[in-house]
Amino acid sequence: MSSLSLMFVGSVLLLNGLGLLGVVGPKATAPVNVFIGSALVITVLSAVLSSLDSGTGQLDIVLGATGFLLFAFTYLYVAFNNFGSLPGDGLGWYCGWAALVSTFLAAVNFVRFSDVKFGFIWLSWVVLFSAFFFVLALGQEWLQRPTGWLAVLQAFTTTTIPGAMQLTGTWEEVNAAVVVAVQVVVVALFLVLVARARVTHLDRELISNTGDLELHR
């Protein structure tokens, strides 16, 4: 169930990324956020209730379910914002908090589960949540397109493909170095896009300021 949920999380990352890129409108992305967000809540409830019945490994199950709940609330929050055309600053601050939780879950995967693959995937999600924080909470709109591309890339490299491989039983065969390399490349591409967007943003500000000076002369 968790592998299936992980795979479908990719659809929401993809749609939300395309939304930031202006390919689809906000209200067009809202339904899939509701569908997958609700499904993740059900997944979490099922996992936690099963752990109570079994009485074994409850902490590990709850820690694993925490990540799904984090994304579930994110997607439901996005859906409410997009349906109601609400300001994004509240969601942005939530994403800032989610970046901290993602850092904690990355450490859990490295230390408690000895899972290097998902440790680095969670670190990638730290970058994603942080980018949303800067765009939505701090109003850094020039970061919107790089963040959109990051979400699109992560839709496949952190969720859809790993989830599909878990379903088919091939995820364990993948060398951790491959997963690490992919995540490093994705974040590196994001940083390149950030650098280019920053230069463009500064150029536009310079032109705008120059125009204002000319008007005052």
N, C-alpha and C. Protein backbone atom coordinates (compact mmCIF):
# COMPACT_ATOMS: atom_id res chain seq x y z
N MET A 1 0.83 -1.21 0.00
CA MET A 1 0.00 0.00 0.00
C MET A 1 0.86 1.26 0.00
N SER A 2 1.93 1.26 0.82
CA SER A 2 2.79 2.44 0.88
C SER A 2 3.52 2.66 -0.44
N SER A 3 3.94 1.57 -1.10
CA SER A 3 4.61 1.69 -2.39
C SER A 3 3.67 2.26 -3.44
N LEU A 4 2.42 1.80 -3.43
CA LEU A 4 1.42 2.30 -4.37
C LEU A 4 1.16 3.78 -4.12
N SER A 5 1.05 4.17 -2.85
CA SER A 5 0.83 5.57 -2.50
C SER A 5 2.01 6.42 -2.94
N LEU A 6 3.23 5.92 -2.73
CA LEU A 6 4.43 6.66 -3.13
C LEU A 6 4.42 6.91 -4.63
N MET A 7 4.05 5.91 -5.41
CA MET A 7 4.03 6.07 -6.86
C MET A 7 3.05 7.16 -7.28
N PHE A 8 1.87 7.17 -6.66
CA PHE A 8 0.85 8.15 -7.05
C PHE A 8 1.15 9.55 -6.52
N VAL A 9 2.00 9.66 -5.51
CA VAL A 9 2.43 10.97 -5.05
C VAL A 9 3.11 11.72 -6.21
N GLY A 10 3.75 10.98 -7.09
CA GLY A 10 4.40 11.59 -8.24
C GLY A 10 3.45 12.39 -9.11
N SER A 11 2.20 11.94 -9.21
CA SER A 11 1.23 12.65 -10.04
C SER A 11 0.95 14.05 -9.49
N VAL A 12 0.94 14.16 -8.16
CA VAL A 12 0.67 15.47 -7.55
C VAL A 12 1.88 16.39 -7.69
N LEU A 13 3.08 15.85 -7.47
CA LEU A 13 4.27 16.66 -7.67
C LEU A 13 4.35 17.16 -9.11
N LEU A 14 4.00 16.30 -10.06
CA LEU A 14 4.03 16.68 -11.46
C LEU A 14 3.04 17.81 -11.74
N LEU A 15 1.79 17.64 -11.30
CA LEU A 15 0.76 18.65 -11.57
C LEU A 15 1.08 19.96 -10.85
N ASN A 16 1.55 19.89 -9.61
CA ASN A 16 1.88 21.12 -8.89
C ASN A 16 3.08 21.82 -9.51
N GLY A 17 4.04 21.02 -10.00
CA GLY A 17 5.18 21.62 -10.70
C GLY A 17 4.75 22.31 -11.97
N LEU A 18 3.88 21.66 -12.74
CA LEU A 18 3.36 22.27 -13.97
C LEU A 18 2.54 23.51 -13.66
N GLY A 19 1.88 23.50 -12.50
CA GLY A 19 1.13 24.68 -12.07
C GLY A 19 2.05 25.87 -11.85
N LEU A 20 3.19 25.62 -11.20
CA LEU A 20 4.16 26.69 -10.97
C LEU A 20 4.76 27.19 -12.28
N LEU A 21 4.85 26.31 -13.27
CA LEU A 21 5.40 26.69 -14.56
C LEU A 21 4.36 27.36 -15.46
N GLY A 22 3.12 27.43 -14.98
CA GLY A 22 2.07 28.09 -15.75
C GLY A 22 1.48 27.24 -16.85
N VAL A 23 1.76 25.93 -16.83
CA VAL A 23 1.23 25.04 -17.86
C VAL A 23 -0.23 24.71 -17.58
N VAL A 24 -0.59 24.54 -16.30
CA VAL A 24 -1.98 24.29 -15.90
C VAL A 24 -2.37 25.31 -14.83
N GLY A 25 -3.65 25.60 -14.74
CA GLY A 25 -4.13 26.57 -13.77
C GLY A 25 -4.24 25.98 -12.38
N PRO A 26 -4.27 26.85 -11.36
CA PRO A 26 -4.34 26.39 -9.96
C PRO A 26 -5.53 25.48 -9.68
N LYS A 27 -6.71 25.86 -10.17
CA LYS A 27 -7.90 25.06 -9.88
C LYS A 27 -7.88 23.71 -10.60
N ALA A 28 -7.12 23.63 -11.68
CA ALA A 28 -7.01 22.37 -12.40
C ALA A 28 -6.17 21.35 -11.63
N THR A 29 -5.28 21.85 -10.77
CA THR A 29 -4.44 20.93 -9.98
C THR A 29 -5.10 20.54 -8.66
N ALA A 30 -6.14 21.27 -8.25
CA ALA A 30 -6.74 21.03 -6.94
C ALA A 30 -7.33 19.63 -6.76
N PRO A 31 -8.07 19.08 -7.76
CA PRO A 31 -8.68 17.76 -7.54
C PRO A 31 -7.66 16.66 -7.24
N VAL A 32 -6.56 16.60 -7.98
CA VAL A 32 -5.59 15.53 -7.74
C VAL A 32 -4.94 15.70 -6.37
N ASN A 33 -4.80 16.94 -5.89
CA ASN A 33 -4.29 17.17 -4.54
C ASN A 33 -5.24 16.61 -3.50
N VAL A 34 -6.55 16.76 -3.74
CA VAL A 34 -7.55 16.21 -2.83
C VAL A 34 -7.52 14.69 -2.86
N PHE A 35 -7.49 14.12 -4.09
CA PHE A 35 -7.52 12.65 -4.22
C PHE A 35 -6.34 12.00 -3.52
N ILE A 36 -5.14 12.45 -3.85
CA ILE A 36 -3.93 11.81 -3.31
C ILE A 36 -3.73 12.17 -1.84
N GLY A 37 -4.04 13.41 -1.46
CA GLY A 37 -3.94 13.80 -0.06
C GLY A 37 -4.84 12.94 0.81
N SER A 38 -6.07 12.72 0.36
CA SER A 38 -7.01 11.89 1.12
C SER A 38 -6.55 10.43 1.16
N ALA A 39 -6.03 9.94 0.02
CA ALA A 39 -5.54 8.56 -0.03
C ALA A 39 -4.37 8.36 0.94
N LEU A 40 -3.50 9.36 1.06
CA LEU A 40 -2.37 9.25 1.98
C LEU A 40 -2.83 9.22 3.43
N VAL A 41 -3.86 9.99 3.74
CA VAL A 41 -4.41 9.95 5.10
C VAL A 41 -4.94 8.56 5.41
N ILE A 42 -5.63 7.95 4.45
CA ILE A 42 -6.15 6.59 4.64
C ILE A 42 -5.00 5.60 4.80
N THR A 43 -3.94 5.79 4.02
CA THR A 43 -2.76 4.92 4.13
C THR A 43 -2.15 4.99 5.53
N VAL A 44 -2.03 6.22 6.04
CA VAL A 44 -1.46 6.41 7.37
C VAL A 44 -2.33 5.76 8.44
N LEU A 45 -3.64 5.99 8.37
CA LEU A 45 -4.56 5.40 9.35
C LEU A 45 -4.49 3.88 9.31
N SER A 46 -4.44 3.33 8.11
CA SER A 46 -4.37 1.87 7.96
C SER A 46 -3.09 1.32 8.58
N ALA A 47 -1.96 2.00 8.33
CA ALA A 47 -0.68 1.54 8.85
C ALA A 47 -0.63 1.62 10.37
N VAL A 48 -1.12 2.73 10.91
CA VAL A 48 -1.08 2.91 12.37
C VAL A 48 -2.01 1.93 13.07
N LEU A 49 -3.22 1.75 12.53
CA LEU A 49 -4.16 0.81 13.14
C LEU A 49 -3.63 -0.62 13.06
N SER A 50 -2.97 -0.95 11.97
CA SER A 50 -2.38 -2.30 11.84
C SER A 50 -1.28 -2.52 12.86
N SER A 51 -0.51 -1.45 13.14
CA SER A 51 0.57 -1.59 14.13
C SER A 51 0.01 -1.77 15.53
N LEU A 52 -1.14 -1.16 15.80
CA LEU A 52 -1.78 -1.34 17.12
C LEU A 52 -2.28 -2.76 17.30
N ASP A 53 -2.78 -3.34 16.22
CA ASP A 53 -3.27 -4.72 16.29
C ASP A 53 -2.13 -5.72 16.45
N SER A 54 -1.02 -5.47 15.75
CA SER A 54 0.08 -6.42 15.79
C SER A 54 0.91 -6.28 17.07
N GLY A 55 1.02 -5.00 17.55
CA GLY A 55 1.78 -4.77 18.77
C GLY A 55 3.28 -4.84 18.59
N THR A 56 3.74 -4.92 17.33
CA THR A 56 5.18 -5.01 17.09
C THR A 56 5.59 -3.92 16.11
N GLY A 57 6.78 -3.38 16.34
CA GLY A 57 7.34 -2.39 15.43
C GLY A 57 6.51 -1.14 15.27
N GLN A 58 5.81 -0.75 16.34
CA GLN A 58 4.91 0.40 16.23
C GLN A 58 5.67 1.69 15.93
N LEU A 59 6.80 1.90 16.59
CA LEU A 59 7.53 3.15 16.40
C LEU A 59 8.01 3.27 14.96
N ASP A 60 8.55 2.20 14.40
CA ASP A 60 9.04 2.24 13.03
C ASP A 60 7.89 2.51 12.05
N ILE A 61 6.74 1.93 12.31
CA ILE A 61 5.58 2.14 11.44
C ILE A 61 5.11 3.58 11.53
N VAL A 62 5.07 4.12 12.73
CA VAL A 62 4.64 5.51 12.91
C VAL A 62 5.64 6.46 12.24
N LEU A 63 6.92 6.18 12.38
CA LEU A 63 7.93 7.02 11.72
C LEU A 63 7.78 6.97 10.21
N GLY A 64 7.51 5.78 9.70
CA GLY A 64 7.30 5.66 8.26
C GLY A 64 6.05 6.38 7.80
N ALA A 65 5.01 6.31 8.63
CA ALA A 65 3.74 6.96 8.27
C ALA A 65 3.83 8.48 8.37
N THR A 66 4.77 8.99 9.16
CA THR A 66 4.90 10.43 9.33
C THR A 66 5.15 11.14 8.00
N GLY A 67 5.99 10.53 7.18
CA GLY A 67 6.29 11.13 5.88
C GLY A 67 5.07 11.22 4.99
N PHE A 68 4.25 10.18 4.98
CA PHE A 68 3.03 10.19 4.17
C PHE A 68 2.06 11.25 4.69
N LEU A 69 1.98 11.39 6.02
CA LEU A 69 1.08 12.39 6.60
C LEU A 69 1.56 13.80 6.28
N LEU A 70 2.87 14.00 6.26
CA LEU A 70 3.43 15.30 5.92
C LEU A 70 3.01 15.72 4.52
N PHE A 71 3.11 14.79 3.57
CA PHE A 71 2.71 15.10 2.20
C PHE A 71 1.19 15.20 2.08
N ALA A 72 0.46 14.39 2.84
CA ALA A 72 -1.00 14.43 2.78
C ALA A 72 -1.51 15.81 3.14
N PHE A 73 -1.02 16.36 4.25
CA PHE A 73 -1.46 17.69 4.68
C PHE A 73 -1.01 18.77 3.70
N THR A 74 0.18 18.58 3.12
CA THR A 74 0.66 19.53 2.12
C THR A 74 -0.31 19.60 0.94
N TYR A 75 -0.68 18.43 0.42
CA TYR A 75 -1.54 18.39 -0.76
C TYR A 75 -2.95 18.89 -0.46
N LEU A 76 -3.46 18.55 0.71
CA LEU A 76 -4.80 19.04 1.07
C LEU A 76 -4.77 20.56 1.26
N TYR A 77 -3.69 21.07 1.81
CA TYR A 77 -3.53 22.52 1.99
C TYR A 77 -3.49 23.20 0.62
N VAL A 78 -2.72 22.62 -0.31
CA VAL A 78 -2.64 23.16 -1.68
C VAL A 78 -4.02 23.17 -2.33
N ALA A 79 -4.78 22.08 -2.13
CA ALA A 79 -6.12 21.99 -2.72
C ALA A 79 -7.03 23.10 -2.19
N PHE A 80 -7.04 23.31 -0.88
CA PHE A 80 -7.86 24.37 -0.29
C PHE A 80 -7.45 25.73 -0.83
N ASN A 81 -6.13 25.96 -0.92
CA ASN A 81 -5.65 27.24 -1.44
C ASN A 81 -6.08 27.47 -2.89
N ASN A 82 -5.95 26.41 -3.70
CA ASN A 82 -6.24 26.56 -5.13
C ASN A 82 -7.74 26.66 -5.41
N PHE A 83 -8.54 25.88 -4.68
CA PHE A 83 -9.99 25.97 -4.86
C PHE A 83 -10.51 27.35 -4.43
N GLY A 84 -9.96 27.86 -3.33
CA GLY A 84 -10.46 29.11 -2.78
C GLY A 84 -9.68 30.35 -3.18
N SER A 85 -8.65 30.17 -4.03
CA SER A 85 -7.79 31.29 -4.43
C SER A 85 -7.28 32.07 -3.22
N LEU A 86 -6.81 31.32 -2.22
CA LEU A 86 -6.35 31.92 -0.97
C LEU A 86 -4.90 32.38 -1.09
N PRO A 87 -4.46 33.29 -0.23
CA PRO A 87 -3.04 33.69 -0.21
C PRO A 87 -2.16 32.49 0.10
N GLY A 88 -0.95 32.51 -0.45
CA GLY A 88 -0.07 31.34 -0.28
C GLY A 88 0.90 31.43 0.87
N ASP A 89 0.87 32.54 1.65
CA ASP A 89 1.89 32.68 2.68
C ASP A 89 1.74 31.65 3.80
N GLY A 90 0.49 31.29 4.15
CA GLY A 90 0.29 30.27 5.19
C GLY A 90 0.85 28.93 4.75
N LEU A 91 0.57 28.54 3.51
CA LEU A 91 1.12 27.30 2.96
C LEU A 91 2.65 27.37 2.93
N GLY A 92 3.17 28.56 2.62
CA GLY A 92 4.62 28.72 2.58
C GLY A 92 5.28 28.47 3.92
N TRP A 93 4.68 29.00 4.99
CA TRP A 93 5.24 28.77 6.32
C TRP A 93 5.09 27.31 6.73
N TYR A 94 3.99 26.68 6.31
CA TYR A 94 3.86 25.24 6.56
C TYR A 94 5.00 24.48 5.87
N CYS A 95 5.32 24.88 4.65
CA CYS A 95 6.40 24.21 3.91
C CYS A 95 7.75 24.43 4.60
N GLY A 96 7.93 25.61 5.22
CA GLY A 96 9.15 25.84 5.98
C GLY A 96 9.27 24.87 7.14
N TRP A 97 8.15 24.65 7.84
CA TRP A 97 8.12 23.66 8.92
C TRP A 97 8.33 22.26 8.37
N ALA A 98 7.72 21.97 7.21
CA ALA A 98 7.85 20.65 6.59
C ALA A 98 9.29 20.37 6.19
N ALA A 99 10.04 21.41 5.82
CA ALA A 99 11.46 21.22 5.50
C ALA A 99 12.23 20.75 6.73
N LEU A 100 11.89 21.28 7.90
CA LEU A 100 12.55 20.85 9.14
C LEU A 100 12.18 19.40 9.46
N VAL A 101 10.90 19.05 9.29
CA VAL A 101 10.47 17.67 9.54
C VAL A 101 11.15 16.72 8.55
N SER A 102 11.29 17.15 7.31
CA SER A 102 11.96 16.32 6.30
C SER A 102 13.42 16.08 6.67
N THR A 103 14.06 17.09 7.25
CA THR A 103 15.44 16.91 7.72
C THR A 103 15.50 15.84 8.81
N PHE A 104 14.54 15.90 9.73
CA PHE A 104 14.44 14.89 10.79
C PHE A 104 14.23 13.49 10.18
N LEU A 105 13.34 13.38 9.20
CA LEU A 105 13.05 12.08 8.60
C LEU A 105 14.23 11.56 7.77
N ALA A 106 15.00 12.48 7.19
CA ALA A 106 16.22 12.05 6.50
C ALA A 106 17.18 11.43 7.51
N ALA A 107 17.33 12.08 8.66
CA ALA A 107 18.21 11.54 9.71
C ALA A 107 17.71 10.19 10.21
N VAL A 108 16.37 10.05 10.35
CA VAL A 108 15.79 8.77 10.78
C VAL A 108 16.14 7.67 9.78
N ASN A 109 16.03 7.97 8.50
CA ASN A 109 16.33 6.96 7.49
C ASN A 109 17.81 6.59 7.50
N PHE A 110 18.68 7.57 7.69
CA PHE A 110 20.12 7.29 7.73
C PHE A 110 20.50 6.50 8.99
N VAL A 111 20.03 6.94 10.15
CA VAL A 111 20.51 6.40 11.43
C VAL A 111 19.71 5.18 11.87
N ARG A 112 18.37 5.31 11.90
CA ARG A 112 17.56 4.22 12.46
C ARG A 112 17.34 3.09 11.45
N PHE A 113 17.04 3.47 10.19
CA PHE A 113 16.72 2.46 9.19
C PHE A 113 17.91 2.06 8.33
N SER A 114 19.03 2.78 8.46
CA SER A 114 20.22 2.53 7.62
C SER A 114 19.84 2.51 6.14
N ASP A 115 18.96 3.41 5.76
CA ASP A 115 18.44 3.48 4.39
C ASP A 115 19.01 4.71 3.71
N VAL A 116 20.15 4.52 3.03
CA VAL A 116 20.81 5.64 2.36
C VAL A 116 19.96 6.18 1.22
N LYS A 117 19.27 5.30 0.52
CA LYS A 117 18.48 5.72 -0.64
C LYS A 117 17.41 6.73 -0.24
N PHE A 118 16.58 6.34 0.72
CA PHE A 118 15.51 7.25 1.10
C PHE A 118 16.02 8.37 2.01
N GLY A 119 17.18 8.19 2.60
CA GLY A 119 17.79 9.30 3.32
C GLY A 119 18.07 10.46 2.37
N PHE A 120 18.65 10.14 1.20
CA PHE A 120 18.95 11.18 0.22
C PHE A 120 17.69 11.69 -0.47
N ILE A 121 16.70 10.82 -0.64
CA ILE A 121 15.43 11.29 -1.20
C ILE A 121 14.78 12.30 -0.27
N TRP A 122 14.84 12.03 1.04
CA TRP A 122 14.28 12.99 1.99
C TRP A 122 15.07 14.29 1.99
N LEU A 123 16.37 14.22 1.79
CA LEU A 123 17.17 15.44 1.69
C LEU A 123 16.75 16.24 0.46
N SER A 124 16.42 15.55 -0.62
CA SER A 124 15.92 16.24 -1.82
C SER A 124 14.60 16.94 -1.52
N TRP A 125 13.76 16.28 -0.72
CA TRP A 125 12.49 16.91 -0.36
C TRP A 125 12.69 18.09 0.58
N VAL A 126 13.77 18.09 1.35
CA VAL A 126 14.11 19.26 2.15
C VAL A 126 14.31 20.47 1.23
N VAL A 127 15.03 20.24 0.13
CA VAL A 127 15.26 21.31 -0.84
C VAL A 127 13.94 21.78 -1.44
N LEU A 128 13.06 20.84 -1.78
CA LEU A 128 11.78 21.19 -2.39
C LEU A 128 10.91 22.01 -1.44
N PHE A 129 10.75 21.54 -0.21
CA PHE A 129 9.94 22.28 0.76
C PHE A 129 10.55 23.66 1.05
N SER A 130 11.86 23.72 1.10
CA SER A 130 12.53 25.01 1.33
C SER A 130 12.26 25.98 0.19
N ALA A 131 12.28 25.46 -1.04
CA ALA A 131 12.01 26.30 -2.21
C ALA A 131 10.58 26.85 -2.16
N PHE A 132 9.62 25.98 -1.80
CA PHE A 132 8.24 26.45 -1.65
C PHE A 132 8.13 27.51 -0.55
N PHE A 133 8.90 27.35 0.51
CA PHE A 133 8.91 28.33 1.59
C PHE A 133 9.36 29.70 1.07
N PHE A 134 10.43 29.71 0.31
CA PHE A 134 10.96 30.97 -0.20
C PHE A 134 9.98 31.63 -1.19
N VAL A 135 9.34 30.81 -2.02
CA VAL A 135 8.41 31.36 -3.01
C VAL A 135 7.14 31.88 -2.36
N LEU A 136 6.54 31.08 -1.47
CA LEU A 136 5.22 31.40 -0.94
C LEU A 136 5.25 32.27 0.31
N ALA A 137 6.15 31.96 1.24
CA ALA A 137 6.17 32.69 2.51
C ALA A 137 6.97 33.98 2.41
N LEU A 138 8.09 33.94 1.68
CA LEU A 138 8.96 35.10 1.60
C LEU A 138 8.75 35.91 0.32
N GLY A 139 7.86 35.45 -0.54
CA GLY A 139 7.52 36.23 -1.73
C GLY A 139 8.61 36.31 -2.78
N GLN A 140 9.50 35.33 -2.82
CA GLN A 140 10.56 35.32 -3.83
C GLN A 140 10.03 34.71 -5.14
N GLU A 141 9.24 35.49 -5.85
CA GLU A 141 8.55 34.96 -7.04
C GLU A 141 9.50 34.56 -8.15
N TRP A 142 10.69 35.12 -8.17
CA TRP A 142 11.66 34.76 -9.21
C TRP A 142 12.10 33.30 -9.09
N LEU A 143 11.85 32.69 -7.91
CA LEU A 143 12.20 31.28 -7.71
C LEU A 143 11.10 30.33 -8.18
N GLN A 144 9.97 30.87 -8.65
CA GLN A 144 8.82 30.02 -8.96
C GLN A 144 9.11 29.02 -10.06
N ARG A 145 9.70 29.46 -11.17
CA ARG A 145 9.96 28.53 -12.28
C ARG A 145 11.00 27.46 -11.91
N PRO A 146 12.14 27.82 -11.28
CA PRO A 146 13.06 26.76 -10.85
C PRO A 146 12.41 25.76 -9.90
N THR A 147 11.54 26.25 -9.01
CA THR A 147 10.85 25.36 -8.09
C THR A 147 9.88 24.44 -8.83
N GLY A 148 9.22 24.98 -9.85
CA GLY A 148 8.34 24.16 -10.68
C GLY A 148 9.10 23.03 -11.37
N TRP A 149 10.25 23.35 -11.93
CA TRP A 149 11.06 22.32 -12.59
C TRP A 149 11.57 21.29 -11.58
N LEU A 150 11.91 21.75 -10.37
CA LEU A 150 12.36 20.81 -9.34
C LEU A 150 11.25 19.83 -8.99
N ALA A 151 10.03 20.33 -8.84
CA ALA A 151 8.89 19.46 -8.52
C ALA A 151 8.64 18.45 -9.65
N VAL A 152 8.75 18.90 -10.90
CA VAL A 152 8.54 17.99 -12.04
C VAL A 152 9.60 16.89 -12.04
N LEU A 153 10.86 17.26 -11.85
CA LEU A 153 11.94 16.26 -11.84
C LEU A 153 11.78 15.29 -10.67
N GLN A 154 11.43 15.82 -9.51
CA GLN A 154 11.27 14.95 -8.35
C GLN A 154 10.02 14.07 -8.45
N ALA A 155 9.06 14.49 -9.26
CA ALA A 155 7.87 13.66 -9.46
C ALA A 155 8.25 12.27 -9.97
N PHE A 156 9.31 12.22 -10.75
CA PHE A 156 9.75 10.93 -11.30
C PHE A 156 10.88 10.30 -10.50
N THR A 157 11.84 11.12 -10.05
CA THR A 157 13.05 10.55 -9.43
C THR A 157 12.89 10.21 -7.95
N THR A 158 11.90 10.81 -7.27
CA THR A 158 11.76 10.54 -5.83
C THR A 158 10.49 9.76 -5.49
N THR A 159 9.54 9.69 -6.43
CA THR A 159 8.26 9.05 -6.10
C THR A 159 7.81 8.02 -7.12
N THR A 160 7.53 8.45 -8.35
CA THR A 160 6.95 7.54 -9.34
C THR A 160 7.84 6.33 -9.61
N ILE A 161 9.09 6.59 -9.92
CA ILE A 161 10.01 5.48 -10.26
C ILE A 161 10.33 4.63 -9.04
N PRO A 162 10.73 5.22 -7.89
CA PRO A 162 10.95 4.37 -6.70
C PRO A 162 9.71 3.59 -6.29
N GLY A 163 8.53 4.22 -6.34
CA GLY A 163 7.30 3.52 -5.98
C GLY A 163 7.02 2.35 -6.91
N ALA A 164 7.20 2.56 -8.22
CA ALA A 164 6.97 1.50 -9.20
C ALA A 164 7.97 0.36 -9.00
N MET A 165 9.21 0.71 -8.69
CA MET A 165 10.23 -0.32 -8.48
C MET A 165 9.97 -1.10 -7.20
N GLN A 166 9.45 -0.43 -6.18
CA GLN A 166 9.08 -1.15 -4.96
C GLN A 166 7.94 -2.13 -5.24
N LEU A 167 6.98 -1.70 -6.05
CA LEU A 167 5.85 -2.58 -6.38
C LEU A 167 6.30 -3.82 -7.14
N THR A 168 7.31 -3.66 -7.98
CA THR A 168 7.78 -4.79 -8.79
C THR A 168 8.91 -5.56 -8.12
N GLY A 169 9.32 -5.11 -6.91
CA GLY A 169 10.36 -5.83 -6.18
C GLY A 169 11.76 -5.61 -6.69
N THR A 170 11.99 -4.55 -7.45
CA THR A 170 13.32 -4.30 -8.02
C THR A 170 14.07 -3.17 -7.32
N TRP A 171 13.42 -2.48 -6.37
CA TRP A 171 14.05 -1.34 -5.70
C TRP A 171 15.29 -1.75 -4.93
N GLU A 172 15.25 -2.89 -4.27
CA GLU A 172 16.39 -3.34 -3.46
C GLU A 172 17.61 -3.66 -4.33
N GLU A 173 17.38 -3.92 -5.61
CA GLU A 173 18.50 -4.23 -6.50
C GLU A 173 19.26 -3.00 -6.95
N VAL A 174 18.68 -1.83 -6.77
CA VAL A 174 19.31 -0.59 -7.20
C VAL A 174 20.40 -0.20 -6.23
N ASN A 175 21.59 0.08 -6.76
CA ASN A 175 22.71 0.49 -5.91
C ASN A 175 22.43 1.87 -5.32
N ALA A 176 22.76 2.03 -4.04
CA ALA A 176 22.51 3.30 -3.37
C ALA A 176 23.24 4.45 -4.05
N ALA A 177 24.41 4.17 -4.62
CA ALA A 177 25.19 5.22 -5.28
C ALA A 177 24.42 5.80 -6.47
N VAL A 178 23.63 4.97 -7.14
CA VAL A 178 22.84 5.44 -8.28
C VAL A 178 21.78 6.42 -7.80
N VAL A 179 21.08 6.07 -6.72
CA VAL A 179 20.04 6.94 -6.17
C VAL A 179 20.65 8.26 -5.70
N VAL A 180 21.79 8.17 -5.02
CA VAL A 180 22.46 9.38 -4.53
C VAL A 180 22.85 10.27 -5.71
N ALA A 181 23.42 9.67 -6.75
CA ALA A 181 23.86 10.44 -7.91
C ALA A 181 22.69 11.14 -8.59
N VAL A 182 21.57 10.44 -8.71
CA VAL A 182 20.39 11.04 -9.35
C VAL A 182 19.90 12.24 -8.54
N GLN A 183 19.82 12.09 -7.22
CA GLN A 183 19.34 13.20 -6.38
C GLN A 183 20.30 14.38 -6.43
N VAL A 184 21.59 14.11 -6.45
CA VAL A 184 22.58 15.19 -6.53
C VAL A 184 22.45 15.93 -7.86
N VAL A 185 22.26 15.18 -8.94
CA VAL A 185 22.11 15.80 -10.27
C VAL A 185 20.86 16.68 -10.33
N VAL A 186 19.74 16.16 -9.78
CA VAL A 186 18.49 16.92 -9.80
C VAL A 186 18.64 18.23 -9.02
N VAL A 187 19.24 18.16 -7.83
CA VAL A 187 19.43 19.37 -7.02
C VAL A 187 20.41 20.32 -7.72
N ALA A 188 21.44 19.76 -8.35
CA ALA A 188 22.41 20.60 -9.07
C ALA A 188 21.74 21.34 -10.23
N LEU A 189 20.87 20.65 -10.97
CA LEU A 189 20.12 21.30 -12.05
C LEU A 189 19.23 22.41 -11.50
N PHE A 190 18.62 22.15 -10.37
CA PHE A 190 17.79 23.16 -9.73
C PHE A 190 18.61 24.39 -9.39
N LEU A 191 19.80 24.19 -8.83
CA LEU A 191 20.65 25.31 -8.44
C LEU A 191 21.11 26.10 -9.66
N VAL A 192 21.34 25.42 -10.78
CA VAL A 192 21.69 26.12 -12.03
C VAL A 192 20.53 27.00 -12.48
N LEU A 193 19.31 26.45 -12.42
CA LEU A 193 18.13 27.22 -12.79
C LEU A 193 17.92 28.40 -11.84
N VAL A 194 18.22 28.19 -10.55
CA VAL A 194 18.11 29.27 -9.56
C VAL A 194 19.09 30.39 -9.91
N ALA A 195 20.33 30.02 -10.24
CA ALA A 195 21.34 31.03 -10.58
C ALA A 195 20.92 31.84 -11.80
N ARG A 196 20.40 31.16 -12.82
CA ARG A 196 19.95 31.86 -14.03
C ARG A 196 18.77 32.76 -13.74
N ALA A 197 17.82 32.26 -12.93
CA ALA A 197 16.65 33.06 -12.59
C ALA A 197 17.04 34.28 -11.77
N ARG A 198 18.03 34.11 -10.91
CA ARG A 198 18.49 35.23 -10.07
C ARG A 198 19.10 36.33 -10.93
N VAL A 199 19.92 35.94 -11.90
CA VAL A 199 20.54 36.92 -12.81
C VAL A 199 19.46 37.67 -13.59
N THR A 200 18.49 36.92 -14.11
CA THR A 200 17.39 37.55 -14.86
C THR A 200 16.62 38.51 -13.96
N HIS A 201 16.35 38.09 -12.73
CA HIS A 201 15.61 38.93 -11.78
C HIS A 201 16.38 40.22 -11.48
N LEU A 202 17.68 40.11 -11.25
CA LEU A 202 18.49 41.29 -10.96
C LEU A 202 18.55 42.23 -12.16
N ASP A 203 18.64 41.65 -13.37
CA ASP A 203 18.66 42.47 -14.59
C ASP A 203 17.36 43.26 -14.73
N ARG A 204 16.24 42.59 -14.46
CA ARG A 204 14.95 43.27 -14.56
C ARG A 204 14.82 44.38 -13.52
N GLU A 205 15.33 44.11 -12.30
CA GLU A 205 15.29 45.14 -11.27
C GLU A 205 16.14 46.34 -11.66
N LEU A 206 17.30 46.07 -12.27
CA LEU A 206 18.19 47.14 -12.69
C LEU A 206 17.53 48.00 -13.77
N ILE A 207 16.88 47.32 -14.74
CA ILE A 207 16.19 48.04 -15.81
C ILE A 207 15.04 48.86 -15.24
N SER A 208 14.31 48.27 -14.29
CA SER A 208 13.19 48.97 -13.66
C SER A 208 13.67 50.19 -12.89
N ASN A 209 14.75 50.03 -12.14
CA ASN A 209 15.28 51.15 -11.36
C ASN A 209 15.83 52.25 -12.27
N THR A 210 16.45 51.84 -13.38
CA THR A 210 16.97 52.81 -14.34
C THR A 210 15.83 53.60 -14.97
N GLY A 211 14.73 52.89 -15.28
CA GLY A 211 13.56 53.55 -15.84
C GLY A 211 12.95 54.55 -14.87
N ASP A 212 12.92 54.19 -13.59
CA ASP A 212 12.37 55.10 -12.58
C ASP A 212 13.22 56.35 -12.45
N LEU A 213 14.55 56.19 -12.53
CA LEU A 213 15.44 57.35 -12.45
C LEU A 213 15.24 58.29 -13.63
N GLU A 214 15.05 57.70 -14.81
CA GLU A 214 14.83 58.51 -16.01
C GLU A 214 13.55 59.31 -15.89
N LEU A 215 12.50 58.70 -15.30
CA LEU A 215 11.22 59.37 -15.16
C LEU A 215 11.33 60.56 -14.19
N HIS A 216 12.21 60.45 -13.20
CA HIS A 216 12.34 61.51 -12.20
C HIS A 216 13.24 62.66 -12.67
N ARG A 217 13.90 62.47 -13.77
CA ARG A 217 14.79 63.53 -14.27
C ARG A 217 13.99 64.56 -15.06
